[in-house]
PDB file of N, CA and C in Angstrom:
ATOM      1  N   UNK A   1       0.631  -1.466  -0.222  1.00  0.00           N
ATOM      2  CA  UNK A   1       0.050  -0.102   0.222  1.00  0.00           C
ATOM      3  C   UNK A   1       0.741   1.238  -0.228  1.00  0.00           C
ATOM      4  N   UNK A   2       1.819   1.352   0.743  1.00  0.00           N
ATOM      5  CA  UNK A   2       2.732   2.374   1.366  1.00  0.00           C
ATOM      6  C   UNK A   2       3.541   2.579  -0.276  1.00  0.00           C
ATOM      7  N   UNK A   3       3.909   1.529  -0.627  1.00  0.00           N
ATOM      8  CA  UNK A   3       4.931   1.672  -2.002  1.00  0.00           C
ATOM      9  C   UNK A   3       4.041   2.166  -3.223  1.00  0.00           C
ATOM     10  N   UNK A   4       2.951   1.753  -3.357  1.00  0.00           N
ATOM     11  CA  UNK A   4       2.003   2.210  -4.382  1.00  0.00           C
ATOM     12  C   UNK A   4       1.815   3.794  -3.986  1.00  0.00           C
ATOM     13  N   UNK A   5       1.918   4.326  -3.074  1.00  0.00           N
ATOM     14  CA  UNK A   5       1.320   5.905  -2.692  1.00  0.00           C
ATOM     15  C   UNK A   5       2.803   6.305  -3.335  1.00  0.00           C
ATOM     16  N   UNK A   6       3.758   5.971  -2.969  1.00  0.00           N
ATOM     17  CA  UNK A   6       5.206   6.627  -2.965  1.00  0.00           C
ATOM     18  C   UNK A   6       5.398   6.467  -4.670  1.00  0.00           C
ATOM     19  N   UNK A   7       4.956   5.174  -5.437  1.00  0.00           N
ATOM     20  CA  UNK A   7       4.779   5.287  -6.799  1.00  0.00           C
ATOM     21  C   UNK A   7       4.253   6.216  -7.593  1.00  0.00           C
ATOM     22  N   UNK A   8       3.285   6.492  -6.982  1.00  0.00           N
ATOM     23  CA  UNK A   8       2.159   7.400  -7.357  1.00  0.00           C
ATOM     24  C   UNK A   8       2.729   8.789  -7.247  1.00  0.00           C
ATOM     25  N   UNK A   9       3.227   9.073  -6.020  1.00  0.00           N
ATOM     26  CA  UNK A   9       3.964  10.428  -5.931  1.00  0.00           C
ATOM     27  C   UNK A   9       5.140  10.620  -7.163  1.00  0.00           C
ATOM     28  N   UNK A  10       5.549   9.301  -7.274  1.00  0.00           N
ATOM     29  CA  UNK A  10       6.787   9.702  -8.390  1.00  0.00           C
ATOM     30  C   UNK A  10       6.743   9.727  -9.891  1.00  0.00           C
ATOM     31  N   UNK A  11       5.074   9.192 -10.169  1.00  0.00           N
ATOM     32  CA  UNK A  11       4.547   9.161 -11.282  1.00  0.00           C
ATOM     33  C   UNK A  11       3.977  10.672 -11.519  1.00  0.00           C
ATOM     34  N   UNK A  12       3.494  10.937 -10.704  1.00  0.00           N
ATOM     35  CA  UNK A  12       2.945  12.548 -10.751  1.00  0.00           C
ATOM     36  C   UNK A  12       4.383  13.430 -10.604  1.00  0.00           C
ATOM     37  N   UNK A  13       5.371  13.036 -10.182  1.00  0.00           N
ATOM     38  CA  UNK A  13       6.421  14.117 -10.122  1.00  0.00           C
ATOM     39  C   UNK A  13       7.252  14.091 -11.656  1.00  0.00           C
ATOM     40  N   UNK A  14       7.262  12.545 -12.283  1.00  0.00           N
ATOM     41  CA  UNK A  14       7.546  12.819 -13.303  1.00  0.00           C
ATOM     42  C   UNK A  14       7.000  13.266 -14.585  1.00  0.00           C
ATOM     43  N   UNK A  15       5.594  13.446 -14.376  1.00  0.00           N
ATOM     44  CA  UNK A  15       4.699  13.986 -15.236  1.00  0.00           C
ATOM     45  C   UNK A  15       4.377  15.099 -15.062  1.00  0.00           C
ATOM     46  N   UNK A  16       4.803  16.114 -14.374  1.00  0.00           N
ATOM     47  CA  UNK A  16       4.920  17.553 -14.214  1.00  0.00           C
ATOM     48  C   UNK A  16       5.965  18.123 -15.018  1.00  0.00           C
ATOM     49  N   UNK A  17       6.763  17.578 -15.481  1.00  0.00           N
ATOM     50  CA  UNK A  17       7.870  18.181 -16.569  1.00  0.00           C
ATOM     51  C   UNK A  17       8.305  16.928 -17.472  1.00  0.00           C
ATOM     52  N   UNK A  18       8.863  17.719 -18.623  1.00  0.00           N
ATOM     53  CA  UNK A  18       9.208  16.627 -19.687  1.00  0.00           C
ATOM     54  C   UNK A  18      10.676  16.531 -19.116  1.00  0.00           C
ATOM     55  N   UNK A  19      11.174  17.579 -18.321  1.00  0.00           N
ATOM     56  CA  UNK A  19      12.765  17.540 -18.354  1.00  0.00           C
ATOM     57  C   UNK A  19      13.010  16.819 -17.288  1.00  0.00           C
ATOM     58  N   UNK A  20      11.857  16.017 -16.488  1.00  0.00           N
ATOM     59  CA  UNK A  20      12.395  15.083 -15.476  1.00  0.00           C
ATOM     60  C   UNK A  20      12.248  13.815 -15.877  1.00  0.00           C
ATOM     61  N   UNK A  21      13.756  12.908 -15.963  1.00  0.00           N
ATOM     62  CA  UNK A  21      13.533  11.872 -16.817  1.00  0.00           C
ATOM     63  C   UNK A  21      13.481  10.305 -15.578  1.00  0.00           C
ATOM     64  N   UNK A  22      13.827  10.802 -14.506  1.00  0.00           N
ATOM     65  CA  UNK A  22      13.500   9.387 -13.443  1.00  0.00           C
ATOM     66  C   UNK A  22      13.749  10.034 -12.138  1.00  0.00           C
ATOM     67  N   UNK A  23      13.149   9.320 -11.188  1.00  0.00           N
ATOM     68  CA  UNK A  23      12.862   9.707  -9.935  1.00  0.00           C
ATOM     69  C   UNK A  23      13.048   8.508  -8.838  1.00  0.00           C
ATOM     70  N   UNK A  24      13.411   8.528  -7.734  1.00  0.00           N
ATOM     71  CA  UNK A  24      13.344   7.536  -6.733  1.00  0.00           C
ATOM     72  C   UNK A  24      13.570   8.065  -5.284  1.00  0.00           C
ATOM     73  N   UNK A  25      12.977   6.898  -4.607  1.00  0.00           N
ATOM     74  CA  UNK A  25      12.542   7.314  -3.195  1.00  0.00           C
ATOM     75  C   UNK A  25      13.757   6.341  -2.454  1.00  0.00           C
ATOM     76  N   UNK A  26      14.594   7.204  -1.677  1.00  0.00           N
ATOM     77  CA  UNK A  26      15.760   6.136  -0.929  1.00  0.00           C
ATOM     78  C   UNK A  26      15.570   6.076   0.388  1.00  0.00           C
ATOM     79  N   UNK A  27      16.383   5.370   1.030  1.00  0.00           N
ATOM     80  CA  UNK A  27      16.650   5.645   2.725  1.00  0.00           C
ATOM     81  C   UNK A  27      17.762   6.144   2.895  1.00  0.00           C
ATOM     82  N   UNK A  28      18.220   6.756   3.644  1.00  0.00           N
ATOM     83  CA  UNK A  28      19.364   7.593   4.247  1.00  0.00           C
ATOM     84  C   UNK A  28      20.570   6.640   3.993  1.00  0.00           C
ATOM     85  N   UNK A  29      20.047   5.503   4.350  1.00  0.00           N
ATOM     86  CA  UNK A  29      21.102   4.183   4.120  1.00  0.00           C
ATOM     87  C   UNK A  29      21.439   3.618   2.701  1.00  0.00           C
ATOM     88  N   UNK A  30      20.497   4.223   2.000  1.00  0.00           N
ATOM     89  CA  UNK A  30      20.516   3.861   0.185  1.00  0.00           C
ATOM     90  C   UNK A  30      19.870   2.691  -0.275  1.00  0.00           C
ATOM     91  N   UNK A  31      18.771   2.383   0.536  1.00  0.00           N
ATOM     92  CA  UNK A  31      17.899   1.020   0.110  1.00  0.00           C
ATOM     93  C   UNK A  31      16.621   1.813  -0.298  1.00  0.00           C
ATOM     94  N   UNK A  32      16.747   1.551  -1.590  1.00  0.00           N
ATOM     95  CA  UNK A  32      15.471   1.818  -2.557  1.00  0.00           C
ATOM     96  C   UNK A  32      14.237   1.632  -1.867  1.00  0.00           C
ATOM     97  N   UNK A  33      12.968   2.427  -1.832  1.00  0.00           N
ATOM     98  CA  UNK A  33      12.040   2.541  -1.217  1.00  0.00           C
ATOM     99  C   UNK A  33      11.116   2.366  -2.323  1.00  0.00           C
ATOM    100  N   UNK A  34      11.017   3.149  -3.406  1.00  0.00           N
ATOM    101  CA  UNK A  34      10.267   3.531  -4.799  1.00  0.00           C
ATOM    102  C   UNK A  34      11.157   3.866  -5.741  1.00  0.00           C
ATOM    103  N   UNK A  35      10.800   3.406  -6.792  1.00  0.00           N
ATOM    104  CA  UNK A  35      11.666   4.185  -7.926  1.00  0.00           C
ATOM    105  C   UNK A  35      10.922   3.966  -9.428  1.00  0.00           C
ATOM    106  N   UNK A  36      11.223   5.265 -10.086  1.00  0.00           N
ATOM    107  CA  UNK A  36      10.664   5.342 -11.673  1.00  0.00           C
ATOM    108  C   UNK A  36      12.148   5.216 -12.462  1.00  0.00           C
ATOM    109  N   UNK A  37      13.048   4.406 -12.830  1.00  0.00           N
ATOM    110  CA  UNK A  37      14.321   4.655 -13.178  1.00  0.00           C
ATOM    111  C   UNK A  37      14.146   3.885 -14.875  1.00  0.00           C
ATOM    112  N   UNK A  38      15.007   4.470 -15.528  1.00  0.00           N
ATOM    113  CA  UNK A  38      15.099   4.071 -16.867  1.00  0.00           C
ATOM    114  C   UNK A  38      15.526   2.371 -16.866  1.00  0.00           C
ATOM    115  N   UNK A  39      15.466   1.746 -17.966  1.00  0.00           N
ATOM    116  CA  UNK A  39      15.428   0.067 -17.896  1.00  0.00           C
ATOM    117  C   UNK A  39      17.013   0.120 -18.002  1.00  0.00           C
ATOM    118  N   UNK A  40      17.282  -0.958 -17.004  1.00  0.00           N
ATOM    119  CA  UNK A  40      19.109  -1.147 -17.360  1.00  0.00           C
ATOM    120  C   UNK A  40      19.492  -0.451 -16.009  1.00  0.00           C
ATOM    121  N   UNK A  41      18.817   0.518 -15.596  1.00  0.00           N
ATOM    122  CA  UNK A  41      19.599   1.350 -14.459  1.00  0.00           C
ATOM    123  C   UNK A  41      19.616   0.619 -12.951  1.00  0.00           C
ATOM    124  N   UNK A  42      20.615   0.175 -12.801  1.00  0.00           N
ATOM    125  CA  UNK A  42      20.813  -0.854 -11.302  1.00  0.00           C
ATOM    126  C   UNK A  42      20.146  -0.004  -9.960  1.00  0.00           C
ATOM    127  N   UNK A  43      19.487  -0.396  -9.405  1.00  0.00           N
ATOM    128  CA  UNK A  43      18.329   0.148  -8.467  1.00  0.00           C
ATOM    129  C   UNK A  43      19.569   0.291  -7.248  1.00  0.00           C
ATOM    130  N   UNK A  44      20.113  -1.129  -6.683  1.00  0.00           N
ATOM    131  CA  UNK A  44      21.343  -1.280  -5.763  1.00  0.00           C
ATOM    132  C   UNK A  44      22.169   0.054  -5.998  1.00  0.00           C
ATOM    133  N   UNK A  45      23.161  -0.043  -7.031  1.00  0.00           N
ATOM    134  CA  UNK A  45      24.134   0.948  -7.324  1.00  0.00           C
ATOM    135  C   UNK A  45      23.940   2.556  -7.160  1.00  0.00           C
ATOM    136  N   UNK A  46      22.360   2.785  -7.543  1.00  0.00           N
ATOM    137  CA  UNK A  46      22.002   4.075  -7.187  1.00  0.00           C
ATOM    138  C   UNK A  46      21.821   4.579  -6.204  1.00  0.00           C
ATOM    139  N   UNK A  47      21.448   3.671  -5.045  1.00  0.00           N
ATOM    140  CA  UNK A  47      21.359   3.821  -3.668  1.00  0.00           C
ATOM    141  C   UNK A  47      22.345   3.985  -3.349  1.00  0.00           C
ATOM    142  N   UNK A  48      23.340   2.949  -3.508  1.00  0.00           N
ATOM    143  CA  UNK A  48      24.691   3.248  -2.765  1.00  0.00           C
ATOM    144  C   UNK A  48      25.447   4.396  -3.168  1.00  0.00           C
ATOM    145  N   UNK A  49      25.430   4.933  -4.378  1.00  0.00           N
ATOM    146  CA  UNK A  49      26.027   6.102  -4.655  1.00  0.00           C
ATOM    147  C   UNK A  49      24.979   7.272  -4.112  1.00  0.00           C
ATOM    148  N   UNK A  50      23.804   7.394  -4.012  1.00  0.00           N
ATOM    149  CA  UNK A  50      23.019   8.231  -3.519  1.00  0.00           C
ATOM    150  C   UNK A  50      23.482   8.317  -1.893  1.00  0.00           C
ATOM    151  N   UNK A  51      23.495   7.448  -1.516  1.00  0.00           N
ATOM    152  CA  UNK A  51      23.976   7.563   0.015  1.00  0.00           C
ATOM    153  C   UNK A  51      25.422   7.702   0.472  1.00  0.00           C
ATOM    154  N   UNK A  52      26.196   7.655  -0.427  1.00  0.00           N
ATOM    155  CA  UNK A  52      27.510   8.257  -0.243  1.00  0.00           C
ATOM    156  C   UNK A  52      27.776   9.721  -0.477  1.00  0.00           C
ATOM    157  N   UNK A  53      26.971  10.033  -1.409  1.00  0.00           N
ATOM    158  CA  UNK A  53      26.715  11.533  -1.789  1.00  0.00           C
ATOM    159  C   UNK A  53      26.040  12.182  -0.451  1.00  0.00           C
ATOM    160  N   UNK A  54      25.028  11.702  -0.065  1.00  0.00           N
ATOM    161  CA  UNK A  54      24.562  12.538   0.806  1.00  0.00           C
ATOM    162  C   UNK A  54      25.238  12.398   2.474  1.00  0.00           C
ATOM    163  N   UNK A  55      25.828  11.396   2.489  1.00  0.00           N
ATOM    164  CA  UNK A  55      26.965  11.328   3.974  1.00  0.00           C
ATOM    165  C   UNK A  55      28.138  12.544   3.697  1.00  0.00           C
ATOM    166  N   UNK A  56      28.472  12.432   2.542  1.00  0.00           N
ATOM    167  CA  UNK A  56      29.562  13.717   2.076  1.00  0.00           C
ATOM    168  C   UNK A  56      29.228  14.931   1.981  1.00  0.00           C
ATOM    169  N   UNK A  57      27.839  15.318   1.437  1.00  0.00           N
ATOM    170  CA  UNK A  57      27.181  16.431   1.718  1.00  0.00           C
ATOM    171  C   UNK A  57      26.654  16.874   2.591  1.00  0.00           C
ATOM    172  N   UNK A  58      26.301  16.193   3.505  1.00  0.00           N
ATOM    173  CA  UNK A  58      25.729  16.314   5.188  1.00  0.00           C
ATOM    174  C   UNK A  58      27.494  16.677   5.643  1.00  0.00           C
ATOM    175  N   UNK A  59      28.169  16.150   5.736  1.00  0.00           N
ATOM    176  CA  UNK A  59      29.395  16.136   6.042  1.00  0.00           C
ATOM    177  C   UNK A  59      30.313  17.656   5.891  1.00  0.00           C
ATOM    178  N   UNK A  60      30.015  17.771   4.652  1.00  0.00           N
ATOM    179  CA  UNK A  60      30.901  18.996   4.020  1.00  0.00           C
ATOM    180  C   UNK A  60      29.894  20.357   4.541  1.00  0.00           C
ATOM    181  N   UNK A  61      28.540  20.350   4.765  1.00  0.00           N
ATOM    182  CA  UNK A  61      27.561  21.341   5.235  1.00  0.00           C
ATOM    183  C   UNK A  61      28.181  21.521   6.487  1.00  0.00           C
ATOM    184  N   UNK A  62      28.439  20.615   7.416  1.00  0.00           N
ATOM    185  CA  UNK A  62      28.328  20.606   8.221  1.00  0.00           C
ATOM    186  C   UNK A  62      29.563  21.227   9.031  1.00  0.00           C
ATOM    187  N   UNK A  63      30.795  20.901   8.450  1.00  0.00           N
ATOM    188  CA  UNK A  63      32.188  21.303   8.710  1.00  0.00           C
ATOM    189  C   UNK A  63      32.527  22.494   7.884  1.00  0.00           C
ATOM    190  N   UNK A  64      31.611  23.214   7.243  1.00  0.00           N
ATOM    191  CA  UNK A  64      31.774  24.497   6.554  1.00  0.00           C
ATOM    192  C   UNK A  64      30.860  25.461   7.226  1.00  0.00           C
ATOM    193  N   UNK A  65      30.399  25.132   8.130  1.00  0.00           N
ATOM    194  CA  UNK A  65      29.415  25.735   9.130  1.00  0.00           C
ATOM    195  C   UNK A  65      27.973  26.734   7.969  1.00  0.00           C
ATOM    196  N   UNK A  66      27.619  25.477   7.192  1.00  0.00           N
ATOM    197  CA  UNK A  66      26.820  26.200   6.214  1.00  0.00           C
ATOM    198  C   UNK A  66      25.057  25.422   6.643  1.00  0.00           C
ATOM    199  N   UNK A  67      24.900  24.922   8.048  1.00  0.00           N
ATOM    200  CA  UNK A  67      24.010  24.297   8.485  1.00  0.00           C
ATOM    201  C   UNK A  67      23.597  22.869   7.628  1.00  0.00           C
ATOM    202  N   UNK A  68      21.872  22.553   8.228  1.00  0.00           N
ATOM    203  CA  UNK A  68      22.006  21.129   7.867  1.00  0.00           C
ATOM    204  C   UNK A  68      21.683  21.152   6.044  1.00  0.00           C
ATOM    205  N   UNK A  69      21.823  20.005   5.608  1.00  0.00           N
ATOM    206  CA  UNK A  69      21.944  19.786   4.392  1.00  0.00           C
ATOM    207  C   UNK A  69      20.384  20.068   3.833  1.00  0.00           C
ATOM    208  N   UNK A  70      20.615  20.357   2.354  1.00  0.00           N
ATOM    209  CA  UNK A  70      19.091  20.378   1.896  1.00  0.00           C
ATOM    210  C   UNK A  70      18.973  19.577   0.956  1.00  0.00           C
ATOM    211  N   UNK A  71      19.966  20.171  -0.137  1.00  0.00           N
ATOM    212  CA  UNK A  71      19.762  19.245  -1.454  1.00  0.00           C
ATOM    213  C   UNK A  71      21.467  18.843  -1.847  1.00  0.00           C
ATOM    214  N   UNK A  72      21.577  18.226  -2.436  1.00  0.00           N
ATOM    215  CA  UNK A  72      23.007  17.903  -3.308  1.00  0.00           C
ATOM    216  C   UNK A  72      22.274  17.919  -4.884  1.00  0.00           C
ATOM    217  N   UNK A  73      23.253  18.933  -5.688  1.00  0.00           N
ATOM    218  CA  UNK A  73      23.062  19.007  -6.952  1.00  0.00           C
ATOM    219  C   UNK A  73      24.300  18.746  -7.920  1.00  0.00           C
ATOM    220  N   UNK A  74      23.895  17.892  -8.703  1.00  0.00           N
ATOM    221  CA  UNK A  74      25.503  17.308  -9.440  1.00  0.00           C
ATOM    222  C   UNK A  74      24.942  17.507 -11.004  1.00  0.00           C
ATOM    223  N   UNK A  75      25.819  18.423 -11.579  1.00  0.00           N
ATOM    224  CA  UNK A  75      25.763  18.825 -13.002  1.00  0.00           C
ATOM    225  C   UNK A  75      26.677  17.825 -13.723  1.00  0.00           C
ATOM    226  N   UNK A  76      26.344  17.095 -14.817  1.00  0.00           N
ATOM    227  CA  UNK A  76      27.154  16.362 -15.890  1.00  0.00           C
ATOM    228  C   UNK A  76      26.863  16.839 -17.222  1.00  0.00           C
ATOM    229  N   UNK A  77      27.503  16.274 -18.219  1.00  0.00           N
ATOM    230  CA  UNK A  77      27.203  16.685 -19.376  1.00  0.00           C
ATOM    231  C   UNK A  77      25.775  16.729 -19.735  1.00  0.00           C
ATOM    232  N   UNK A  78      25.478  15.528 -19.305  1.00  0.00           N
ATOM    233  CA  UNK A  78      24.071  14.903 -20.084  1.00  0.00           C
ATOM    234  C   UNK A  78      22.910  15.080 -19.067  1.00  0.00           C
ATOM    235  N   UNK A  79      23.342  16.214 -18.074  1.00  0.00           N
ATOM    236  CA  UNK A  79      22.309  16.404 -17.044  1.00  0.00           C
ATOM    237  C   UNK A  79      22.245  16.486 -15.846  1.00  0.00           C
ATOM    238  N   UNK A  80      21.336  16.846 -15.212  1.00  0.00           N
ATOM    239  CA  UNK A  80      21.501  16.720 -13.752  1.00  0.00           C
ATOM    240  C   UNK A  80      21.201  15.794 -12.663  1.00  0.00           C
ATOM    241  N   UNK A  81      21.698  15.714 -11.745  1.00  0.00           N
ATOM    242  CA  UNK A  81      20.951  14.773 -10.424  1.00  0.00           C
ATOM    243  C   UNK A  81      20.937  15.645  -9.633  1.00  0.00           C
ATOM    244  N   UNK A  82      19.482  15.828  -8.833  1.00  0.00           N
ATOM    245  CA  UNK A  82      19.173  16.421  -7.700  1.00  0.00           C
ATOM    246  C   UNK A  82      18.593  15.349  -6.637  1.00  0.00           C
ATOM    247  N   UNK A  83      19.422  15.686  -5.319  1.00  0.00           N
ATOM    248  CA  UNK A  83      18.904  14.843  -4.089  1.00  0.00           C
ATOM    249  C   UNK A  83      18.631  15.430  -3.046  1.00  0.00           C
ATOM    250  N   UNK A  84      17.672  15.552  -2.424  1.00  0.00           N
ATOM    251  CA  UNK A  84      16.904  15.816  -1.705  1.00  0.00           C
ATOM    252  C   UNK A  84      16.402  15.501  -0.186  1.00  0.00           C
ATOM    253  N   UNK A  85      16.183  16.115   0.782  1.00  0.00           N
ATOM    254  CA  UNK A  85      15.833  14.888   2.032  1.00  0.00           C
ATOM    255  C   UNK A  85      14.539  15.084   1.946  1.00  0.00           C
ATOM    256  N   UNK A  86      13.926  13.786   2.200  1.00  0.00           N
ATOM    257  CA  UNK A  86      12.129  13.897   2.637  1.00  0.00           C
ATOM    258  C   UNK A  86      11.611  13.247   3.747  1.00  0.00           C
ATOM    259  N   UNK A  87      12.067  14.100   4.465  1.00  0.00           N
ATOM    260  CA  UNK A  87      12.274  13.767   5.967  1.00  0.00           C
ATOM    261  C   UNK A  87      13.218  13.510   6.559  1.00  0.00           C
ATOM    262  N   UNK A  88      13.405  12.619   7.848  1.00  0.00           N
ATOM    263  CA  UNK A  88      14.835  12.543   8.503  1.00  0.00           C
ATOM    264  C   UNK A  88      15.588  11.237   7.708  1.00  0.00           C
ATOM    265  N   UNK A  89      14.380  10.234   7.512  1.00  0.00           N
ATOM    266  CA  UNK A  89      15.098   8.890   6.961  1.00  0.00           C
ATOM    267  C   UNK A  89      14.819   8.397   5.712  1.00  0.00           C
ATOM    268  N   UNK A  90      14.203   9.528   4.717  1.00  0.00           N
ATOM    269  CA  UNK A  90      14.322   9.324   3.332  1.00  0.00           C
ATOM    270  C   UNK A  90      15.055  10.341   2.353  1.00  0.00           C
ATOM    271  N   UNK A  91      15.437   9.965   1.628  1.00  0.00           N
ATOM    272  CA  UNK A  91      15.583  10.818  -0.076  1.00  0.00           C
ATOM    273  C   UNK A  91      14.977  10.891  -1.083  1.00  0.00           C
ATOM    274  N   UNK A  92      14.609  11.945  -1.994  1.00  0.00           N
ATOM    275  CA  UNK A  92      14.052  11.935  -3.109  1.00  0.00           C
ATOM    276  C   UNK A  92      15.463  12.439  -3.804  1.00  0.00           C
ATOM    277  N   UNK A  93      15.571  11.253  -5.001  1.00  0.00           N
ATOM    278  CA  UNK A  93      16.539  11.730  -5.954  1.00  0.00           C
ATOM    279  C   UNK A  93      15.835  11.871  -7.564  1.00  0.00           C
ATOM    280  N   UNK A  94      16.304  12.894  -8.226  1.00  0.00           N
ATOM    281  CA  UNK A  94      15.653  13.090  -9.634  1.00  0.00           C
ATOM    282  C   UNK A  94      16.861  13.068 -10.651  1.00  0.00           C
ATOM    283  N   UNK A  95      16.683  12.445 -11.615  1.00  0.00           N
ATOM    284  CA  UNK A  95      17.468  12.684 -13.066  1.00  0.00           C
ATOM    285  C   UNK A  95      16.693  13.760 -13.889  1.00  0.00           C
ATOM    286  N   UNK A  96      17.163  14.927 -14.527  1.00  0.00           N
ATOM    287  CA  UNK A  96      16.792  15.780 -15.367  1.00  0.00           C
ATOM    288  C   UNK A  96      17.921  16.148 -16.489  1.00  0.00           C
ATOM    289  N   UNK A  97      17.083  16.694 -17.484  1.00  0.00           N
ATOM    290  CA  UNK A  97      17.828  16.657 -18.675  1.00  0.00           C
ATOM    291  C   UNK A  97      18.727  17.907 -18.806  1.00  0.00           C
ATOM    292  N   UNK A  98      19.546  17.873 -19.264  1.00  0.00           N
ATOM    293  CA  UNK A  98      20.598  19.293 -19.498  1.00  0.00           C
ATOM    294  C   UNK A  98      19.919  20.638 -19.749  1.00  0.00           C
ATOM    295  N   UNK A  99      18.867  20.700 -20.272  1.00  0.00           N
ATOM    296  CA  UNK A  99      17.962  21.642 -20.444  1.00  0.00           C
ATOM    297  C   UNK A  99      17.042  22.185 -19.474  1.00  0.00           C
ATOM    298  N   UNK A 100      17.009  21.443 -18.488  1.00  0.00           N
ATOM    299  CA  UNK A 100      16.071  21.759 -17.179  1.00  0.00           C
ATOM    300  C   UNK A 100      15.928  22.796 -16.731  1.00  0.00           C
ATOM    301  N   UNK A 101      14.701  23.276 -16.511  1.00  0.00           N
ATOM    302  CA  UNK A 101      14.768  24.695 -15.777  1.00  0.00           C
ATOM    303  C   UNK A 101      14.453  24.437 -14.389  1.00  0.00           C
ATOM    304  N   UNK A 102      15.826  24.998 -13.967  1.00  0.00           N
ATOM    305  CA  UNK A 102      16.169  24.149 -12.369  1.00  0.00           C
ATOM    306  C   UNK A 102      15.272  24.779 -11.276  1.00  0.00           C
ATOM    307  N   UNK A 103      14.767  26.267 -11.737  1.00  0.00           N
ATOM    308  CA  UNK A 103      13.708  26.919 -10.740  1.00  0.00           C
ATOM    309  C   UNK A 103      12.379  25.743 -10.403  1.00  0.00           C
ATOM    310  N   UNK A 104      11.743  25.421 -11.611  1.00  0.00           N
ATOM    311  CA  UNK A 104      10.687  24.710 -11.891  1.00  0.00           C
ATOM    312  C   UNK A 104      10.735  23.488 -10.925  1.00  0.00           C
ATOM    313  N   UNK A 105      12.292  22.629 -11.531  1.00  0.00           N
ATOM    314  CA  UNK A 105      12.415  21.245 -10.951  1.00  0.00           C
ATOM    315  C   UNK A 105      12.583  21.376  -9.677  1.00  0.00           C
ATOM    316  N   UNK A 106      12.903  22.296  -8.755  1.00  0.00           N
ATOM    317  CA  UNK A 106      13.438  22.646  -7.480  1.00  0.00           C
ATOM    318  C   UNK A 106      12.169  22.585  -6.766  1.00  0.00           C
ATOM    319  N   UNK A 107      11.575  23.542  -6.986  1.00  0.00           N
ATOM    320  CA  UNK A 107       9.714  23.546  -6.843  1.00  0.00           C
ATOM    321  C   UNK A 107       9.108  22.245  -6.762  1.00  0.00           C
ATOM    322  N   UNK A 108       9.159  21.533  -7.878  1.00  0.00           N
ATOM    323  CA  UNK A 108       8.383  20.191  -7.978  1.00  0.00           C
ATOM    324  C   UNK A 108       8.747  19.114  -7.022  1.00  0.00           C
ATOM    325  N   UNK A 109      10.178  19.083  -7.275  1.00  0.00           N
ATOM    326  CA  UNK A 109      10.972  18.334  -6.128  1.00  0.00           C
ATOM    327  C   UNK A 109      10.530  18.876  -4.210  1.00  0.00           C
ATOM    328  N   UNK A 110      10.399  19.807  -4.428  1.00  0.00           N
ATOM    329  CA  UNK A 110      10.232  19.968  -3.045  1.00  0.00           C
ATOM    330  C   UNK A 110       8.774  19.828  -2.449  1.00  0.00           C
ATOM    331  N   UNK A 111       8.002  19.910  -3.467  1.00  0.00           N
ATOM    332  CA  UNK A 111       6.471  19.591  -3.310  1.00  0.00           C
ATOM    333  C   UNK A 111       6.454  18.177  -2.785  1.00  0.00           C
ATOM    334  N   UNK A 112       7.121  17.345  -4.252  1.00  0.00           N
ATOM    335  CA  UNK A 112       7.339  16.030  -3.458  1.00  0.00           C
ATOM    336  C   UNK A 112       7.770  15.418  -2.535  1.00  0.00           C
ATOM    337  N   UNK A 113       8.684  16.255  -2.014  1.00  0.00           N
ATOM    338  CA  UNK A 113       9.293  15.779  -0.728  1.00  0.00           C
ATOM    339  C   UNK A 113       8.770  15.913   0.395  1.00  0.00           C
ATOM    340  N   UNK A 114       7.703  17.020   0.162  1.00  0.00           N
ATOM    341  CA  UNK A 114       7.055  17.431   1.757  1.00  0.00           C
ATOM    342  C   UNK A 114       5.815  16.076   1.375  1.00  0.00           C
ATOM    343  N   UNK A 115       4.935  16.010   0.401  1.00  0.00           N
ATOM    344  CA  UNK A 115       4.299  14.401   0.448  1.00  0.00           C
ATOM    345  C   UNK A 115       4.934  13.203   0.904  1.00  0.00           C
ATOM    346  N   UNK A 116       6.219  13.145   0.697  1.00  0.00           N
ATOM    347  CA  UNK A 116       6.768  11.915   0.855  1.00  0.00           C
ATOM    348  C   UNK A 116       7.226  11.828   2.574  1.00  0.00           C
ATOM    349  N   UNK A 117       7.333  13.184   3.260  1.00  0.00           N
ATOM    350  CA  UNK A 117       7.820  12.974   4.175  1.00  0.00           C
ATOM    351  C   UNK A 117       6.601  12.918   5.270  1.00  0.00           C
ATOM    352  N   UNK A 118       5.259  13.472   4.741  1.00  0.00           N
ATOM    353  CA  UNK A 118       4.006  13.166   5.576  1.00  0.00           C
ATOM    354  C   UNK A 118       3.767  11.682   5.700  1.00  0.00           C
ATOM    355  N   UNK A 119       3.855  10.849   4.630  1.00  0.00           N
ATOM    356  CA  UNK A 119       3.497   9.479   4.304  1.00  0.00           C
ATOM    357  C   UNK A 119       4.741   8.745   5.246  1.00  0.00           C
ATOM    358  N   UNK A 120       5.641   8.966   5.375  1.00  0.00           N
ATOM    359  CA  UNK A 120       6.920   7.911   6.069  1.00  0.00           C
ATOM    360  C   UNK A 120       7.124   8.634   7.121  1.00  0.00           C
TER     361      UNK A 120
END
């Protein structure tokens, strides 16, 4: 039941913009809770990388006196990876096209993260 609701949130998020290519909800230790990833993308690998990046981001934000980590943004030649906390124990990760309008993506991701936080 809960997984169905999480998948519904991801489906709605992916449908809000053609610039969002994929999304996933993970626990902070990297376990996949729900995902809408492209075929062939390994969920375990995505989870492990997300957990590592969040851990590093948390530590960096603390060590450099920037406060609690809100999000991690990675820009590559083929697009963006955005990770944001969705409550204390979960993370929303989104893959977006290089042409993505980040302001709109940030807004949509924030709304989805709030919905996930209420559920988890």
